[in-house]
C-alpha atoms as a PDB file:
ATOM      1  CA  UNK A   1       0.000   0.000   0.000  1.00  0.00           C
ATOM      2  CA  UNK A   2       1.342   3.426  -0.976  1.00  0.00           C
ATOM      3  CA  UNK A   3       1.336   5.572   2.178  1.00  0.00           C
ATOM      4  CA  UNK A   4       0.815   8.809   0.261  1.00  0.00           C
ATOM      5  CA  UNK A   5       2.596  12.091   0.949  1.00  0.00           C
ATOM      6  CA  UNK A   6       5.370  12.015   3.549  1.00  0.00           C
ATOM      7  CA  UNK A   7       5.471  14.992   5.910  1.00  0.00           C
ATOM      8  CA  UNK A   8       8.037  16.097   8.476  1.00  0.00           C
ATOM      9  CA  UNK A   9       7.781  18.759  11.144  1.00  0.00           C
ATOM     10  CA  UNK A  10       8.310  22.305   9.936  1.00  0.00           C
ATOM     11  CA  UNK A  11      10.649  22.690  12.937  1.00  0.00           C
ATOM     12  CA  UNK A  12      13.044  19.989  11.741  1.00  0.00           C
ATOM     13  CA  UNK A  13      15.892  20.189   9.261  1.00  0.00           C
ATOM     14  CA  UNK A  14      14.192  17.461   7.176  1.00  0.00           C
ATOM     15  CA  UNK A  15      17.073  15.037   7.806  1.00  0.00           C
ATOM     16  CA  UNK A  16      17.045  14.391  11.530  1.00  0.00           C
ATOM     17  CA  UNK A  17      13.474  13.525  12.418  1.00  0.00           C
ATOM     18  CA  UNK A  18      10.597  11.231  11.582  1.00  0.00           C
ATOM     19  CA  UNK A  19       8.179  11.572   8.704  1.00  0.00           C
ATOM     20  CA  UNK A  20       4.511  10.652   8.701  1.00  0.00           C
ATOM     21  CA  UNK A  21       2.215   9.766   5.822  1.00  0.00           C
ATOM     22  CA  UNK A  22      -1.496   9.772   6.592  1.00  0.00           C
ATOM     23  CA  UNK A  23      -4.023   7.646   4.769  1.00  0.00           C
ATOM     24  CA  UNK A  24      -6.122   4.716   5.928  1.00  0.00           C
ATOM     25  CA  UNK A  25      -3.328   4.300   8.509  1.00  0.00           C
ATOM     26  CA  UNK A  26      -0.529   6.534   9.802  1.00  0.00           C
ATOM     27  CA  UNK A  27       2.828   5.356   8.453  1.00  0.00           C
ATOM     28  CA  UNK A  28       5.976   6.576  10.231  1.00  0.00           C
ATOM     29  CA  UNK A  29       9.641   6.358   9.171  1.00  0.00           C
ATOM     30  CA  UNK A  30      13.040   7.700  10.190  1.00  0.00           C
ATOM     31  CA  UNK A  31      14.449  10.302   7.789  1.00  0.00           C
ATOM     32  CA  UNK A  32      17.983   8.994   8.364  1.00  0.00           C
ATOM     33  CA  UNK A  33      16.989   5.461   7.305  1.00  0.00           C
ATOM     34  CA  UNK A  34      14.038   5.739   4.932  1.00  0.00           C
ATOM     35  CA  UNK A  35      14.661   2.280   3.474  1.00  0.00           C
ATOM     36  CA  UNK A  36      14.930   0.737   6.943  1.00  0.00           C
ATOM     37  CA  UNK A  37      11.238   0.093   7.351  1.00  0.00           C
ATOM     38  CA  UNK A  38       8.135   1.820   8.604  1.00  0.00           C
ATOM     39  CA  UNK A  39       5.801   1.697  11.557  1.00  0.00           C
ATOM     40  CA  UNK A  40       2.098   1.619  10.720  1.00  0.00           C
ATOM     41  CA  UNK A  41      -0.581   2.509  13.279  1.00  0.00           C
ATOM     42  CA  UNK A  42      -4.235   3.402  13.010  1.00  0.00           C
ATOM     43  CA  UNK A  43      -5.066   7.043  12.382  1.00  0.00           C
ATOM     44  CA  UNK A  44      -7.084   6.917  15.596  1.00  0.00           C
ATOM     45  CA  UNK A  45      -3.940   5.946  17.531  1.00  0.00           C
ATOM     46  CA  UNK A  46      -1.959   8.697  15.767  1.00  0.00           C
ATOM     47  CA  UNK A  47      -4.594  11.283  16.738  1.00  0.00           C
ATOM     48  CA  UNK A  48      -4.530  10.066  20.359  1.00  0.00           C
ATOM     49  CA  UNK A  49      -0.717  10.290  20.414  1.00  0.00           C
ATOM     50  CA  UNK A  50      -0.747  13.869  19.104  1.00  0.00           C
ATOM     51  CA  UNK A  51      -3.507  14.862  21.521  1.00  0.00           C
ATOM     52  CA  UNK A  52      -1.531  13.520  24.467  1.00  0.00           C
ATOM     53  CA  UNK A  53       1.536  15.514  23.386  1.00  0.00           C
ATOM     54  CA  UNK A  54      -0.531  18.682  23.062  1.00  0.00           C
ATOM     55  CA  UNK A  55      -1.894  18.247  26.596  1.00  0.00           C
ATOM     56  CA  UNK A  56       1.586  18.074  28.133  1.00  0.00           C
ATOM     57  CA  UNK A  57       2.883  21.265  29.665  1.00  0.00           C
ATOM     58  CA  UNK A  58       6.393  22.372  28.583  1.00  0.00           C
ATOM     59  CA  UNK A  59       7.844  21.397  31.974  1.00  0.00           C
ATOM     60  CA  UNK A  60       6.459  17.860  31.476  1.00  0.00           C
ATOM     61  CA  UNK A  61       8.273  17.551  28.132  1.00  0.00           C
ATOM     62  CA  UNK A  62      11.649  18.308  29.733  1.00  0.00           C
ATOM     63  CA  UNK A  63      11.221  15.198  31.863  1.00  0.00           C
ATOM     64  CA  UNK A  64      10.732  12.910  28.853  1.00  0.00           C
END
């Protein structure tokens, strides 16, 4: 299955991050090893992951 358009964070340098392609599932890959495989999760799980990150306060992120 073709994952579609790969997107990286606008805050990254496009070569040191992860990329995500959204479609029927969220497909994730490492920009430093694009041929090394992908992780595929449901779009519902991807949305929950992003929501949990958005709920964290900046001081919580420093602890991660």
